[in-house]
Amino acid sequence: MHQTTSHETNLQHGAKFKEFDAFVNKHKTRNFWLHTFDGIFFFFGMSFMAFETVMPVFVLKLGGSNFIISLIPFLFVLSNGISPILISYFIEQLDRKKPAVMVAGFLMRIPWLLIAVLTYAIAKNHPRLLLALLIFSAAIFAVGSGLVVSPWFDLVAKTTTLNIRGRMQSIRSGGGNLLGIAAGFMVSFVLANVGYPSNYALLFGMGFSLLFVSLVMLSLVKEPVYPIKKPQSSPWQSLRSAPGILRSNTNFFYFVIIRSILMFFFTSAALFSAYAMQEFNLSESHAGIFTNVRTATFIAIAPLLGWLADKRGHRFNLIIASLCAVGASVFALMSANIWLYYPAFVCVCIILVTQLISGLNAIVEFCSSEERPTYIGLCNMLMLPSAILAPIMGIITDAFGYHYLFIFQCFLGLTALALSIFKLKDPRTIPAGAGQ
């Protein structure tokens, strides 16, 4: 009886890789634009209910505190930290990732339709109940987001090539935020001219509609079957592998620390908006102005950071983000009026752009293709300290004011900057097989 030799196995794998590459090349243009339009519609939709601008104003309107404001992004990061590593073993065994993406993508979109309906129905008479349901809906969104991140990025990595992902991400975010400028004006107009609570219900309804269009774009992506499967494992094996990965790949370890620090600015970004609304006595419609500042920053910076990621590597972007982390804190501490405060908000937005372009894209450069879901899950799991800090800082700002938050963030920014410059190496410069 003939037994397959290792040489024959290698030949079979080689043939399968040729088929895989041929499939990717055949559909790469189609997939590039479908992924791009998915992102454009997603970012456009989220502009109507942005965590950093619209959501904190809505929470304050319902009588919520800074703790509640910081709790919503906390749920998002918490789910993104726990879910991917627990399901990575399952995702690694799937021949195709798109079905998992579609199910989780639907789960993370449906809460916004629920909130739109509930806001219209009960916001006036039952604001506290709506606030509780908003947190519940945000938790559902967070769970869907946590479940989708690993199979979605694996789908992107399988259906695009390395040298275009930075530009694709920048076009996705840049295009979505270009439309987001229109969304910002619409947010200001709706909040100023449509009566409460119909104004917020309308914003959430428009956001949901655009997010649903983005899901349709994803459904049209052509996905190949990857030639090699990682040996079957369990979620507990994935968790047990974490210390070994971090010990053997110290460069990835430094990347995780830096990304975790920068993630704290994502979870606390809404507090920057809340501080401005309270400190400078701004009207609700100013949420639209903040949305436009955010989107204008994304439009101006995303193409540059995408180009730098492709040409100079993601380490360069992390250095820029770390500088902005320091700058945001210093500008916030020194601002005496809203005009002096805008640079702080711009710095926060640059950090958010960097997370979009380099947060996930950089991870795949530290590992092999079959290890990708585990690395993504592990990296997101290690974001949990940042998630836990956010509501704690919300409680501190409620009790003692915002200055303690800004001082703490300045310290974190300096730490990330030092690690980015002196410890982190660009993985593209490390030869294959060399120690990390």
Protein backbone atom coordinates (compact mmCIF):
# COMPACT_ATOMS: atom_id res chain seq x y z
CA MET A 1 0.00 0.00 0.00
CA HIS A 2 1.45 3.34 -1.07
CA GLN A 3 2.11 5.86 1.70
CA THR A 4 2.35 9.57 0.94
CA THR A 5 5.91 10.80 1.49
CA SER A 6 6.83 14.21 2.87
CA HIS A 7 8.13 15.13 -0.59
CA GLU A 8 4.77 14.28 -2.17
CA THR A 9 2.98 16.22 0.57
CA ASN A 10 5.13 19.27 -0.15
CA LEU A 11 4.35 18.97 -3.86
CA GLN A 12 0.64 18.76 -3.08
CA HIS A 13 0.86 21.80 -0.83
CA GLY A 14 2.79 23.63 -3.52
CA ALA A 15 0.09 22.90 -6.08
CA LYS A 16 -2.61 24.02 -3.66
CA PHE A 17 -0.74 27.25 -2.91
CA LYS A 18 -0.55 27.94 -6.66
CA GLU A 19 -4.31 27.45 -6.92
CA PHE A 20 -4.80 29.69 -3.87
CA ASP A 21 -2.60 32.46 -5.29
CA ALA A 22 -4.32 32.20 -8.67
CA PHE A 23 -7.74 32.57 -7.01
CA VAL A 24 -6.61 35.59 -4.97
CA ASN A 25 -5.07 37.29 -8.01
CA LYS A 26 -8.16 36.62 -10.11
CA HIS A 27 -10.49 38.29 -7.59
CA LYS A 28 -8.14 40.76 -5.89
CA THR A 29 -9.52 43.87 -7.59
CA ARG A 30 -13.12 42.89 -6.86
CA ASN A 31 -12.28 42.02 -3.25
CA PHE A 32 -10.22 45.18 -2.77
CA TRP A 33 -13.18 47.38 -3.66
CA LEU A 34 -15.74 45.30 -1.76
CA HIS A 35 -13.62 45.48 1.41
CA THR A 36 -13.10 49.18 0.75
CA PHE A 37 -16.82 49.94 0.34
CA ASP A 38 -17.61 47.77 3.37
CA GLY A 39 -15.35 50.05 5.41
CA ILE A 40 -16.64 53.26 3.83
CA PHE A 41 -20.27 52.46 4.63
CA PHE A 42 -19.32 51.18 8.09
CA PHE A 43 -17.40 54.32 9.06
CA PHE A 44 -20.07 56.54 7.48
CA GLY A 45 -22.76 54.78 9.51
CA MET A 46 -20.82 54.94 12.77
CA SER A 47 -20.42 58.72 12.32
CA PHE A 48 -24.12 59.11 13.20
CA MET A 49 -23.63 57.41 16.58
CA ALA A 50 -19.90 57.78 17.21
CA PHE A 51 -18.66 56.63 20.61
CA GLU A 52 -16.34 59.65 20.83
CA THR A 53 -18.88 62.40 19.97
CA VAL A 54 -22.59 61.58 19.67
CA MET A 55 -22.81 58.81 22.27
CA PRO A 56 -21.38 60.77 25.25
CA VAL A 57 -23.78 63.66 24.52
CA PHE A 58 -26.72 61.22 24.38
CA VAL A 59 -25.66 59.56 27.65
CA LEU A 60 -25.44 62.97 29.36
CA LYS A 61 -28.89 63.82 27.96
CA LEU A 62 -30.29 60.65 29.58
CA GLY A 63 -28.73 61.62 32.92
CA GLY A 64 -25.71 59.31 32.72
CA SER A 65 -22.29 59.93 34.30
CA ASN A 66 -18.70 59.76 33.07
CA PHE A 67 -18.64 56.20 34.37
CA ILE A 68 -21.47 55.26 31.98
CA ILE A 69 -19.77 57.14 29.13
CA SER A 70 -16.57 55.14 29.62
CA LEU A 71 -18.48 51.90 30.23
CA ILE A 72 -19.66 51.67 26.59
CA PRO A 73 -16.17 51.53 25.01
CA PHE A 74 -15.11 49.33 27.94
CA LEU A 75 -17.66 46.71 26.87
CA PHE A 76 -16.36 46.94 23.31
CA VAL A 77 -12.72 46.36 24.27
CA LEU A 78 -13.68 43.70 26.86
CA SER A 79 -15.50 41.60 24.27
CA ASN A 80 -12.76 42.16 21.69
CA GLY A 81 -10.27 40.96 24.27
CA ILE A 82 -12.04 37.80 25.41
CA SER A 83 -13.99 36.52 22.39
CA PRO A 84 -11.24 36.18 19.72
CA ILE A 85 -8.87 34.04 21.80
CA LEU A 86 -11.73 31.77 22.89
CA ILE A 87 -13.00 31.18 19.35
CA SER A 88 -9.62 31.20 17.58
CA TYR A 89 -9.44 27.38 17.69
CA PHE A 90 -12.82 27.21 15.93
CA ILE A 91 -11.99 29.93 13.37
CA GLU A 92 -8.67 28.25 12.49
CA GLN A 93 -10.55 25.09 11.45
CA LEU A 94 -12.99 26.83 9.11
CA ASP A 95 -12.27 26.41 5.41
CA ARG A 96 -14.01 29.71 4.80
CA LYS A 97 -14.39 32.56 7.29
CA LYS A 98 -17.12 34.56 5.54
CA PRO A 99 -20.13 32.67 7.05
CA ALA A 100 -18.84 33.40 10.57
CA VAL A 101 -18.27 37.04 9.59
CA MET A 102 -21.83 37.38 8.31
CA VAL A 103 -23.43 35.94 11.46
CA ALA A 104 -21.33 38.01 13.87
CA GLY A 105 -21.66 41.08 11.64
CA PHE A 106 -25.46 40.87 11.80
CA LEU A 107 -25.32 40.48 15.59
CA MET A 108 -23.27 43.68 15.99
CA ARG A 109 -25.60 45.73 13.76
CA ILE A 110 -29.06 44.80 15.00
CA PRO A 111 -28.71 46.62 18.40
CA TRP A 112 -28.65 50.00 16.63
CA LEU A 113 -32.07 49.35 15.10
CA LEU A 114 -33.30 48.37 18.56
CA ILE A 115 -31.95 51.57 20.11
CA ALA A 116 -33.47 53.72 17.34
CA VAL A 117 -36.93 52.28 18.03
CA LEU A 118 -36.57 52.41 21.82
CA THR A 119 -35.26 55.99 21.79
CA TYR A 120 -38.32 57.15 19.90
CA ALA A 121 -40.67 55.16 22.13
CA ILE A 122 -39.46 55.67 25.71
CA ALA A 123 -36.70 58.32 25.92
CA LYS A 124 -38.94 61.09 27.28
CA ASN A 125 -40.84 59.15 29.91
CA HIS A 126 -38.29 56.50 30.89
CA PRO A 127 -34.75 57.90 30.40
CA ARG A 128 -33.18 55.65 33.04
CA LEU A 129 -34.70 52.55 31.49
CA LEU A 130 -33.45 53.64 28.07
CA LEU A 131 -29.99 54.23 29.53
CA ALA A 132 -29.97 50.65 30.87
CA LEU A 133 -31.18 49.31 27.50
CA LEU A 134 -28.52 51.39 25.74
CA ILE A 135 -25.84 49.68 27.83
CA PHE A 136 -27.43 46.29 27.08
CA SER A 137 -27.51 47.04 23.34
CA ALA A 138 -23.91 48.26 23.48
CA ALA A 139 -23.01 44.94 25.11
CA ILE A 140 -24.64 43.03 22.23
CA PHE A 141 -22.76 45.21 19.75
CA ALA A 142 -19.56 44.54 21.68
CA VAL A 143 -20.11 40.76 21.66
CA GLY A 144 -20.74 40.79 17.90
CA SER A 145 -17.66 42.93 17.37
CA GLY A 146 -15.53 40.59 19.48
CA LEU A 147 -16.76 37.56 17.56
CA VAL A 148 -16.26 39.14 14.14
CA VAL A 149 -12.78 40.64 14.50
CA SER A 150 -10.75 37.45 14.08
CA PRO A 151 -12.64 35.85 11.16
CA TRP A 152 -13.11 39.26 9.49
CA PHE A 153 -9.43 40.09 9.48
CA ASP A 154 -8.55 36.56 8.43
CA LEU A 155 -10.99 37.05 5.54
CA VAL A 156 -9.31 40.33 4.63
CA ALA A 157 -5.84 38.78 4.83
CA LYS A 158 -6.90 35.80 2.68
CA THR A 159 -8.49 37.92 -0.03
CA THR A 160 -5.97 40.79 -0.32
CA THR A 161 -2.19 41.08 -0.63
CA LEU A 162 0.26 42.44 1.95
CA ASN A 163 1.44 45.43 -0.10
CA ILE A 164 -2.04 46.98 -0.46
CA ARG A 165 -3.61 46.47 2.97
CA GLY A 166 -2.34 49.71 4.47
CA ARG A 167 -3.69 51.72 1.53
CA MET A 168 -6.95 49.76 1.58
CA GLN A 169 -7.46 50.52 5.25
CA SER A 170 -6.65 54.19 4.69
CA ILE A 171 -9.11 54.44 1.75
CA ARG A 172 -11.75 52.63 3.83
CA SER A 173 -11.43 54.99 6.76
CA GLY A 174 -10.66 58.06 4.64
CA GLY A 175 -13.61 57.50 2.29
CA GLY A 176 -15.99 56.69 5.13
CA ASN A 177 -14.92 59.76 7.03
CA LEU A 178 -15.12 61.96 3.94
CA LEU A 179 -18.80 61.04 3.92
CA GLY A 180 -18.62 61.47 7.68
CA ILE A 181 -18.21 65.23 7.18
CA ALA A 182 -21.67 65.22 5.64
CA ALA A 183 -22.77 63.10 8.61
CA GLY A 184 -21.33 65.68 11.00
CA PHE A 185 -23.35 68.49 9.43
CA MET A 186 -26.42 66.24 9.48
CA VAL A 187 -25.85 65.43 13.16
CA SER A 188 -25.64 69.14 14.01
CA PHE A 189 -28.73 69.92 11.94
CA VAL A 190 -30.80 67.05 13.32
CA LEU A 191 -29.90 67.74 16.95
CA ALA A 192 -30.61 71.47 16.54
CA ASN A 193 -33.79 71.28 14.45
CA VAL A 194 -35.55 67.96 15.16
CA GLY A 195 -37.32 67.57 18.47
CA TYR A 196 -36.13 65.21 21.19
CA PRO A 197 -36.15 62.20 21.18
CA SER A 198 -36.90 61.92 17.44
CA ASN A 199 -33.53 63.52 16.66
CA TYR A 200 -31.48 60.77 18.30
CA ALA A 201 -33.80 58.04 17.00
CA LEU A 202 -33.27 59.38 13.47
CA LEU A 203 -29.47 59.39 13.89
CA PHE A 204 -29.41 55.80 15.13
CA GLY A 205 -31.77 54.67 12.35
CA MET A 206 -29.58 56.22 9.64
CA GLY A 207 -26.51 54.69 11.20
CA PHE A 208 -28.07 51.22 11.25
CA SER A 209 -29.10 51.47 7.57
CA LEU A 210 -25.56 52.28 6.45
CA LEU A 211 -24.04 49.53 8.61
CA PHE A 212 -26.41 47.06 6.97
CA VAL A 213 -25.21 48.17 3.50
CA SER A 214 -21.63 47.51 4.62
CA LEU A 215 -22.63 43.94 5.54
CA VAL A 216 -24.06 43.45 2.04
CA MET A 217 -20.67 44.49 0.58
CA LEU A 218 -18.94 41.84 2.70
CA SER A 219 -21.36 39.17 1.54
CA LEU A 220 -20.11 39.63 -2.05
CA VAL A 221 -16.41 38.97 -1.30
CA LYS A 222 -14.88 35.95 -3.08
CA GLU A 223 -12.98 33.81 -0.56
CA PRO A 224 -10.58 30.95 -1.34
CA VAL A 225 -9.85 27.93 0.86
CA TYR A 226 -6.43 28.27 2.53
CA PRO A 227 -4.16 25.30 1.59
CA ILE A 228 -2.96 24.49 5.14
CA LYS A 229 -4.84 24.05 8.38
CA LYS A 230 -3.25 24.52 11.77
CA PRO A 231 -3.48 21.29 13.85
CA GLN A 232 -6.74 21.25 15.79
CA SER A 233 -6.59 22.74 19.27
CA SER A 234 -8.96 24.05 21.93
CA PRO A 235 -9.49 27.51 23.43
CA TRP A 236 -7.60 26.40 26.53
CA GLN A 237 -4.62 25.39 24.38
CA SER A 238 -4.74 28.84 22.80
CA LEU A 239 -4.70 30.43 26.26
CA ARG A 240 -1.90 28.14 27.47
CA SER A 241 0.17 29.06 24.42
CA ALA A 242 0.08 32.77 25.30
CA PRO A 243 3.04 32.88 27.75
CA GLY A 244 5.20 30.87 25.36
CA ILE A 245 4.38 33.17 22.44
CA LEU A 246 5.23 36.27 24.45
CA ARG A 247 8.48 34.75 25.75
CA SER A 248 9.69 33.54 22.37
CA ASN A 249 8.49 36.59 20.41
CA THR A 250 9.62 39.51 22.55
CA ASN A 251 9.14 41.95 19.69
CA PHE A 252 5.45 41.01 19.63
CA PHE A 253 5.39 41.44 23.42
CA TYR A 254 6.56 45.07 23.11
CA PHE A 255 4.02 45.66 20.35
CA VAL A 256 1.23 44.36 22.61
CA ILE A 257 2.26 46.72 25.44
CA ILE A 258 2.35 49.73 23.11
CA ARG A 259 -0.98 48.87 21.50
CA SER A 260 -2.54 48.32 24.93
CA ILE A 261 -1.44 51.78 26.04
CA LEU A 262 -2.80 53.39 22.88
CA MET A 263 -6.03 51.42 23.27
CA PHE A 264 -6.61 53.24 26.55
CA PHE A 265 -6.97 56.44 24.53
CA PHE A 266 -9.67 54.72 22.47
CA THR A 267 -11.61 53.64 25.57
CA SER A 268 -11.31 57.10 27.13
CA ALA A 269 -11.77 59.17 23.93
CA ALA A 270 -15.42 59.84 24.78
CA LEU A 271 -14.29 61.54 28.00
CA PHE A 272 -12.45 64.14 25.91
CA SER A 273 -15.80 65.08 24.31
CA ALA A 274 -17.64 64.98 27.64
CA TYR A 275 -15.01 67.25 29.22
CA ALA A 276 -15.39 69.83 26.46
CA MET A 277 -19.21 69.75 26.64
CA GLN A 278 -19.15 70.36 30.41
CA GLU A 279 -16.08 72.60 30.77
CA PHE A 280 -16.97 75.02 27.95
CA ASN A 281 -20.80 74.83 28.27
CA LEU A 282 -21.38 73.62 24.71
CA SER A 283 -24.79 72.86 23.19
CA GLU A 284 -25.82 69.34 22.10
CA SER A 285 -25.45 70.26 18.43
CA HIS A 286 -21.72 70.73 19.08
CA ALA A 287 -21.52 66.93 18.86
CA GLY A 288 -21.77 67.44 15.10
CA ILE A 289 -18.83 69.84 15.15
CA PHE A 290 -16.75 67.32 17.09
CA THR A 291 -17.79 64.69 14.55
CA ASN A 292 -16.52 66.94 11.74
CA VAL A 293 -13.23 67.58 13.54
CA ARG A 294 -12.88 63.83 13.96
CA THR A 295 -13.72 63.03 10.34
CA ALA A 296 -11.56 65.84 8.93
CA THR A 297 -8.63 64.48 10.94
CA PHE A 298 -9.28 60.98 9.63
CA ILE A 299 -9.45 62.23 6.04
CA ALA A 300 -6.25 64.24 6.32
CA ILE A 301 -4.21 61.67 8.25
CA ALA A 302 -5.45 58.24 7.09
CA PRO A 303 -3.86 58.35 3.58
CA LEU A 304 -0.53 59.47 5.06
CA LEU A 305 -0.52 56.79 7.76
CA GLY A 306 -1.60 54.16 5.21
CA TRP A 307 1.28 55.13 2.92
CA LEU A 308 3.74 55.16 5.84
CA ALA A 309 2.54 51.71 6.95
CA ASP A 310 3.18 50.27 3.48
CA LYS A 311 6.51 52.03 2.93
CA ARG A 312 8.05 52.47 6.38
CA GLY A 313 6.24 49.82 8.44
CA HIS A 314 3.70 50.03 11.25
CA ARG A 315 6.34 50.83 13.88
CA PHE A 316 6.64 54.33 12.43
CA ASN A 317 2.89 54.85 12.88
CA LEU A 318 3.09 53.70 16.50
CA ILE A 319 5.76 56.32 17.19
CA ILE A 320 3.48 59.00 15.72
CA ALA A 321 0.55 57.77 17.80
CA SER A 322 2.65 57.79 20.98
CA LEU A 323 3.70 61.39 20.32
CA CYS A 324 0.04 62.29 19.88
CA ALA A 325 -0.80 60.54 23.16
CA VAL A 326 1.56 62.93 24.94
CA GLY A 327 0.29 65.89 22.90
CA ALA A 328 -3.38 65.18 23.64
CA SER A 329 -2.76 65.19 27.37
CA VAL A 330 -0.64 68.36 27.34
CA PHE A 331 -3.08 70.32 25.14
CA ALA A 332 -6.03 69.22 27.31
CA LEU A 333 -4.28 70.35 30.49
CA MET A 334 -3.33 73.73 29.00
CA SER A 335 -6.54 74.64 27.15
CA ALA A 336 -8.42 77.68 28.44
CA ASN A 337 -11.16 77.66 25.78
CA ILE A 338 -12.63 75.38 23.14
CA TRP A 339 -10.35 76.67 20.38
CA LEU A 340 -7.24 75.76 22.35
CA TYR A 341 -8.83 72.40 23.17
CA TYR A 342 -9.35 71.30 19.57
CA PRO A 343 -5.65 70.25 19.13
CA ALA A 344 -6.09 67.79 22.02
CA PHE A 345 -9.10 66.24 20.29
CA VAL A 346 -7.21 66.11 16.97
CA CYS A 347 -4.36 64.22 18.67
CA VAL A 348 -6.84 61.69 20.07
CA CYS A 349 -8.31 61.24 16.58
CA ILE A 350 -4.85 60.58 15.11
CA ILE A 351 -4.39 57.81 17.69
CA LEU A 352 -7.72 56.31 16.61
CA VAL A 353 -6.66 56.41 12.94
CA THR A 354 -3.41 54.66 13.82
CA GLN A 355 -5.32 51.92 15.64
CA LEU A 356 -7.50 51.38 12.56
CA ILE A 357 -4.60 51.23 10.11
CA SER A 358 -1.86 49.60 12.16
CA GLY A 359 -3.64 47.94 15.08
CA LEU A 360 -4.61 44.69 13.31
CA ASN A 361 -2.53 44.98 10.15
CA ALA A 362 0.70 44.95 12.16
CA ILE A 363 -0.21 41.72 13.99
CA VAL A 364 -0.04 39.55 10.87
CA GLU A 365 3.61 40.54 10.38
CA PHE A 366 4.58 38.85 13.66
CA CYS A 367 3.23 35.38 12.82
CA SER A 368 2.53 32.81 10.11
CA SER A 369 -0.80 32.68 8.25
CA GLU A 370 -2.12 29.67 10.16
CA GLU A 371 -1.23 31.30 13.52
CA ARG A 372 -3.04 34.52 12.62
CA PRO A 373 -6.32 33.96 14.55
CA THR A 374 -4.40 33.00 17.71
CA TYR A 375 -2.17 36.08 17.52
CA ILE A 376 -5.11 38.39 16.86
CA GLY A 377 -7.04 36.84 19.75
CA LEU A 378 -4.03 36.98 22.08
CA CYS A 379 -3.29 40.61 21.23
CA ASN A 380 -6.89 41.65 21.78
CA MET A 381 -7.10 39.70 25.04
CA LEU A 382 -4.10 41.61 26.36
CA MET A 383 -5.99 44.87 25.72
CA LEU A 384 -8.16 44.06 28.76
CA PRO A 385 -6.11 46.11 31.26
CA SER A 386 -6.83 49.18 29.14
CA ALA A 387 -10.53 48.30 29.08
CA ILE A 388 -10.63 47.92 32.87
CA LEU A 389 -8.84 51.25 33.39
CA ALA A 390 -11.40 53.21 31.36
CA PRO A 391 -14.44 52.94 33.70
CA ILE A 392 -12.11 53.37 36.70
CA MET A 393 -10.92 56.67 35.21
CA GLY A 394 -14.57 57.54 34.56
CA ILE A 395 -15.29 57.13 38.29
CA ILE A 396 -12.20 59.21 39.17
CA THR A 397 -13.22 62.04 36.83
CA ASP A 398 -16.72 62.03 38.35
CA ALA A 399 -15.22 62.35 41.82
CA PHE A 400 -12.11 64.52 41.34
CA GLY A 401 -12.22 66.08 37.87
CA TYR A 402 -10.52 65.46 34.54
CA HIS A 403 -7.00 66.67 35.27
CA TYR A 404 -5.98 63.40 36.91
CA LEU A 405 -7.04 61.59 33.73
CA PHE A 406 -4.94 63.86 31.53
CA ILE A 407 -1.85 63.58 33.76
CA PHE A 408 -2.13 59.78 33.80
CA GLN A 409 -2.52 59.70 30.02
CA CYS A 410 0.60 61.85 29.59
CA PHE A 411 2.60 59.29 31.59
CA LEU A 412 1.21 56.44 29.46
CA GLY A 413 2.04 58.30 26.26
CA LEU A 414 5.66 58.82 27.32
CA THR A 415 5.93 55.11 28.15
CA ALA A 416 4.58 54.08 24.74
CA LEU A 417 6.92 56.52 23.00
CA ALA A 418 10.00 55.14 24.78
CA LEU A 419 9.07 51.53 23.96
CA SER A 420 8.31 52.36 20.31
CA ILE A 421 11.66 54.05 19.78
CA PHE A 422 14.03 51.96 21.89
CA LYS A 423 12.52 48.45 22.12
CA LEU A 424 10.17 47.70 19.22
CA LYS A 425 11.72 46.55 15.92
CA ASP A 426 9.99 46.59 12.57
CA PRO A 427 9.20 42.87 11.97
CA ARG A 428 9.85 43.37 8.24
CA THR A 429 13.52 44.01 9.04
CA ILE A 430 13.90 40.73 10.96
CA PRO A 431 14.98 37.80 8.72
CA ALA A 432 12.65 34.81 8.61
CA GLY A 433 13.65 32.30 11.25
CA ALA A 434 15.64 34.84 13.22
CA GLY A 435 14.86 35.43 16.88
CA GLN A 436 12.11 37.92 17.47
